[in-house]
């Protein structure tokens, strides 16, 4: 277009357990599919600035993303956080051309977006976004456990396959999944519209309150009028 350029992403589909070489001159979007290559599990959205130059990586270096299932030892629950999606382990490496050695890039200068697929069958009215987060498995502590990375997820719904997609951001790579906070039950219905009974009850309560206020005001006015009249009669009779 005139007056500017459009940053068209380089969109590719890869199966899990696959290494993919990134396009160093483009915005990369990787659709990671399951082992049968039929269903997208997670979408990894890597901005162009990260692949061009991140943490001292030269533009001539080969940058590769590795997407694998997690180690079998990873628990599906810890710290009152339950894993409710596929767990994926993400690794980004950089190496010089024609070199067998590489270095791992574990942190990024700007956020990378991860979009997880959550089948609609796994969604219930009690599972709202306020109880979900993009989580990672922290192995750098004495007792490794799941932790929330991004608690402000964006929820998308696909009319095509009836699935929910949950979008979060991170500035590092490790093992990720969408987590459900099982300790937060007080606000389960925050995102649900009121039922018909609740609407009727609210309407009835509002009407009753209005009636009580009206009666109260009327009583106060009558009392004031009586007091003023009594005062006037008292003065005239003096």
Protein backbone atom coordinates (compact mmCIF):
# COMPACT_ATOMS: atom_id res chain seq x y z
CA UNK A 1 0.00 0.00 0.00
CA UNK A 2 1.11 3.61 -0.52
CA UNK A 3 2.63 5.41 2.44
CA UNK A 4 3.83 2.29 4.26
CA UNK A 5 4.36 -1.43 4.28
CA UNK A 6 2.39 -4.30 5.76
CA UNK A 7 4.19 -6.77 8.02
CA UNK A 8 2.77 -10.00 6.64
CA UNK A 9 3.50 -12.89 8.99
CA UNK A 10 5.20 -16.05 7.85
CA UNK A 11 2.60 -18.64 8.90
CA UNK A 12 3.62 -22.30 9.04
CA UNK A 13 2.17 -25.51 10.44
CA UNK A 14 4.40 -27.96 12.25
CA UNK A 15 3.72 -31.15 14.15
CA UNK A 16 4.64 -31.38 17.79
CA UNK A 17 8.15 -32.85 18.32
CA UNK A 18 9.31 -30.86 15.28
CA UNK A 19 12.15 -28.35 14.99
CA UNK A 20 11.40 -25.37 12.78
CA UNK A 21 13.87 -22.82 11.40
CA UNK A 22 12.51 -19.30 11.72
CA UNK A 23 12.47 -16.73 8.94
CA UNK A 24 14.85 -14.09 10.32
CA UNK A 25 13.31 -11.34 8.21
CA UNK A 26 9.65 -11.88 9.06
CA UNK A 27 7.06 -12.03 11.77
CA UNK A 28 6.71 -15.78 12.45
CA UNK A 29 3.46 -17.54 13.38
CA UNK A 30 3.80 -21.27 14.10
CA UNK A 31 0.68 -23.44 14.32
CA UNK A 32 1.70 -26.46 16.38
CA UNK A 33 -0.42 -29.52 15.60
CA UNK A 34 -0.94 -32.75 17.51
CA UNK A 35 0.81 -36.04 16.71
CA UNK A 36 -1.83 -36.93 14.11
CA UNK A 37 -1.33 -33.56 12.41
CA UNK A 38 -5.07 -32.87 12.58
CA UNK A 39 -5.66 -30.39 15.40
CA UNK A 40 -3.79 -27.19 16.25
CA UNK A 41 -2.77 -27.32 19.92
CA UNK A 42 -1.07 -23.96 20.31
CA UNK A 43 -0.13 -21.00 18.13
CA UNK A 44 3.25 -19.39 18.79
CA UNK A 45 3.40 -15.77 17.58
CA UNK A 46 6.97 -14.40 17.45
CA UNK A 47 7.39 -10.69 16.55
CA UNK A 48 9.85 -9.80 13.82
CA UNK A 49 12.10 -7.81 16.17
CA UNK A 50 12.85 -10.93 18.21
CA UNK A 51 13.95 -13.01 15.25
CA UNK A 52 15.94 -10.17 13.67
CA UNK A 53 18.09 -9.45 16.69
CA UNK A 54 17.52 -10.74 20.21
CA UNK A 55 20.06 -10.90 23.03
CA UNK A 56 23.04 -10.40 20.75
CA UNK A 57 22.01 -12.91 18.09
CA UNK A 58 23.48 -12.05 14.69
CA UNK A 59 21.18 -11.79 11.70
CA UNK A 60 23.21 -14.46 9.91
CA UNK A 61 22.62 -16.96 12.72
CA UNK A 62 20.13 -19.79 12.26
CA UNK A 63 17.29 -19.48 14.77
CA UNK A 64 15.28 -22.62 15.49
CA UNK A 65 12.22 -23.21 17.61
CA UNK A 66 11.67 -26.64 19.15
CA UNK A 67 8.20 -27.66 20.30
CA UNK A 68 7.97 -30.89 22.25
CA UNK A 69 5.68 -32.56 24.78
CA UNK A 70 6.81 -32.06 28.37
CA UNK A 71 8.78 -34.59 30.38
CA UNK A 72 6.51 -37.34 31.68
CA UNK A 73 7.44 -36.34 35.23
CA UNK A 74 5.62 -33.01 34.99
CA UNK A 75 2.55 -33.00 37.28
CA UNK A 76 -0.83 -31.87 36.03
CA UNK A 77 -1.62 -30.13 39.29
CA UNK A 78 0.33 -28.14 41.86
CA UNK A 79 -0.22 -25.13 44.09
CA UNK A 80 -4.01 -25.37 43.47
CA UNK A 81 -3.46 -24.91 39.75
CA UNK A 82 -4.82 -27.57 37.36
CA UNK A 83 -3.53 -28.07 33.82
CA UNK A 84 -6.52 -27.99 31.41
CA UNK A 85 -4.77 -27.93 28.02
CA UNK A 86 -1.95 -29.71 26.26
CA UNK A 87 1.42 -28.93 27.87
CA UNK A 88 4.06 -27.82 25.38
CA UNK A 89 7.75 -27.31 25.98
CA UNK A 90 9.20 -24.45 23.92
CA UNK A 91 12.90 -23.87 23.23
CA UNK A 92 14.52 -21.24 21.00
CA UNK A 93 18.10 -21.72 19.85
CA UNK A 94 20.57 -19.76 17.75
CA UNK A 95 23.64 -21.05 15.94
CA UNK A 96 26.15 -19.83 13.40
CA UNK A 97 25.70 -21.08 9.82
CA UNK A 98 27.19 -24.54 9.26
CA UNK A 99 27.92 -24.89 12.98
CA UNK A 100 26.94 -27.84 15.13
CA UNK A 101 27.01 -25.79 18.33
CA UNK A 102 24.12 -23.59 19.42
CA UNK A 103 23.04 -21.50 22.32
CA UNK A 104 19.62 -21.38 23.94
CA UNK A 105 17.74 -18.08 24.01
CA UNK A 106 15.59 -18.26 27.13
CA UNK A 107 14.40 -14.66 27.52
CA UNK A 108 13.13 -12.12 25.00
CA UNK A 109 13.23 -8.36 24.58
CA UNK A 110 9.47 -8.20 23.99
CA UNK A 111 6.51 -10.53 24.63
CA UNK A 112 5.72 -13.58 22.54
CA UNK A 113 2.04 -14.51 22.21
CA UNK A 114 0.84 -18.06 22.93
CA UNK A 115 -2.69 -19.07 21.92
CA UNK A 116 -3.92 -22.37 23.36
CA UNK A 117 -6.78 -24.45 22.01
CA UNK A 118 -9.39 -25.41 24.61
CA UNK A 119 -12.20 -27.65 23.29
CA UNK A 120 -15.66 -26.37 24.12
CA UNK A 121 -16.43 -29.67 25.85
CA UNK A 122 -13.90 -28.68 28.52
CA UNK A 123 -15.64 -25.36 29.20
CA UNK A 124 -18.35 -24.92 31.82
CA UNK A 125 -20.23 -21.95 33.18
CA UNK A 126 -18.12 -22.08 36.34
CA UNK A 127 -14.86 -21.90 34.42
CA UNK A 128 -14.54 -18.20 33.59
CA UNK A 129 -11.53 -16.31 32.41
CA UNK A 130 -10.88 -14.77 35.82
CA UNK A 131 -9.87 -18.23 37.09
CA UNK A 132 -7.56 -19.04 34.17
CA UNK A 133 -4.00 -18.07 33.39
CA UNK A 134 -1.17 -18.84 31.02
CA UNK A 135 1.05 -20.91 33.27
CA UNK A 136 4.60 -22.24 33.23
CA UNK A 137 6.41 -24.91 35.19
CA UNK A 138 9.06 -23.30 37.38
CA UNK A 139 11.96 -25.68 37.81
CA UNK A 140 14.32 -23.05 39.23
CA UNK A 141 13.05 -23.41 42.78
CA UNK A 142 13.64 -26.09 45.44
CA UNK A 143 10.14 -27.52 44.97
CA UNK A 144 9.21 -27.08 41.27
CA UNK A 145 5.60 -26.16 40.64
CA UNK A 146 3.19 -24.55 38.21
CA UNK A 147 2.93 -20.76 38.33
CA UNK A 148 0.83 -18.17 36.52
CA UNK A 149 2.66 -16.13 33.90
CA UNK A 150 -0.25 -14.10 32.47
CA UNK A 151 -3.58 -13.83 34.33
CA UNK A 152 -5.19 -11.42 31.86
CA UNK A 153 -6.08 -13.85 29.10
CA UNK A 154 -8.05 -12.95 26.02
CA UNK A 155 -10.76 -15.47 25.16
CA UNK A 156 -11.70 -16.14 21.54
CA UNK A 157 -14.39 -18.45 20.19
CA UNK A 158 -14.22 -20.25 16.86
CA UNK A 159 -17.52 -20.79 15.07
CA UNK A 160 -15.66 -23.13 12.72
CA UNK A 161 -14.79 -25.87 15.22
CA UNK A 162 -16.63 -24.80 18.38
CA UNK A 163 -13.42 -24.36 20.34
CA UNK A 164 -12.30 -21.64 22.70
CA UNK A 165 -8.85 -20.11 22.19
CA UNK A 166 -7.06 -18.55 25.14
CA UNK A 167 -4.40 -15.93 24.41
CA UNK A 168 -1.57 -14.96 26.75
CA UNK A 169 1.92 -13.48 26.61
CA UNK A 170 5.36 -14.42 27.90
CA UNK A 171 8.92 -13.11 27.71
CA UNK A 172 10.63 -16.48 28.21
CA UNK A 173 10.35 -20.09 27.04
CA UNK A 174 9.86 -23.23 29.12
CA UNK A 175 6.91 -25.64 29.58
CA UNK A 176 3.55 -23.90 29.19
CA UNK A 177 -0.16 -24.70 29.55
CA UNK A 178 -3.43 -23.01 30.46
CA UNK A 179 -4.07 -23.39 34.20
CA UNK A 180 -7.30 -23.34 36.22
CA UNK A 181 -7.13 -21.84 39.69
CA UNK A 182 -9.18 -24.29 41.81
CA UNK A 183 -8.91 -22.08 44.89
CA UNK A 184 -11.00 -19.26 43.40
CA UNK A 185 -14.63 -20.24 43.85
CA UNK A 186 -16.06 -16.98 45.18
CA UNK A 187 -16.35 -15.31 41.77
CA UNK A 188 -17.44 -18.32 39.72
CA UNK A 189 -20.51 -16.53 38.36
CA UNK A 190 -18.92 -13.11 37.75
CA UNK A 191 -19.04 -13.48 33.97
CA UNK A 192 -22.48 -15.09 33.79
CA UNK A 193 -25.64 -13.10 32.97
CA UNK A 194 -28.33 -13.13 35.70
CA UNK A 195 -30.98 -15.79 35.39
CA UNK A 196 -34.64 -14.94 34.82
CA UNK A 197 -35.40 -15.62 38.50
CA UNK A 198 -32.55 -13.34 39.55
CA UNK A 199 -33.85 -10.62 37.25
CA UNK A 200 -37.37 -10.95 38.69
CA UNK A 201 -36.02 -10.92 42.25
CA UNK A 202 -33.89 -7.87 41.51
CA UNK A 203 -36.82 -6.08 39.90
CA UNK A 204 -39.13 -6.97 42.81
CA UNK A 205 -36.57 -5.88 45.39
CA UNK A 206 -36.05 -2.61 43.55
CA UNK A 207 -39.82 -1.94 43.46
CA UNK A 208 -40.16 -2.76 47.15
CA UNK A 209 -37.30 -0.44 48.02
CA UNK A 210 -38.84 2.36 45.95
CA UNK A 211 -42.16 1.84 47.75
CA UNK A 212 -40.50 1.96 51.18
CA UNK A 213 -38.65 5.15 50.27
CA UNK A 214 -41.87 6.78 48.99
CA UNK A 215 -43.81 5.88 52.15
CA UNK A 216 -40.97 7.08 54.36
CA UNK A 217 -40.81 10.44 52.60
CA UNK A 218 -44.61 10.84 52.86
CA UNK A 219 -44.56 10.15 56.59
CA UNK A 220 -41.78 12.67 57.16
CA UNK A 221 -43.64 15.35 55.19
CA UNK A 222 -46.83 14.76 57.18
CA UNK A 223 -44.98 15.01 60.47
CA UNK A 224 -43.33 18.26 59.42
CA UNK A 225 -46.69 19.76 58.36
CA UNK A 226 -48.29 18.81 61.68
CA UNK A 227 -45.43 20.30 63.66
CA UNK A 228 -45.57 23.58 61.69
CA UNK A 229 -49.37 23.80 62.09
CA UNK A 230 -49.13 23.22 65.84
CA UNK A 231 -46.48 25.92 66.11
CA UNK A 232 -48.64 28.45 64.23
CA UNK A 233 -51.71 27.71 66.44
CA UNK A 234 -49.55 28.07 69.57
CA UNK A 235 -48.28 31.46 68.44
CA UNK A 236 -51.78 32.77 67.56
CA UNK A 237 -53.19 31.71 70.92
CA UNK A 238 -50.52 33.57 72.93
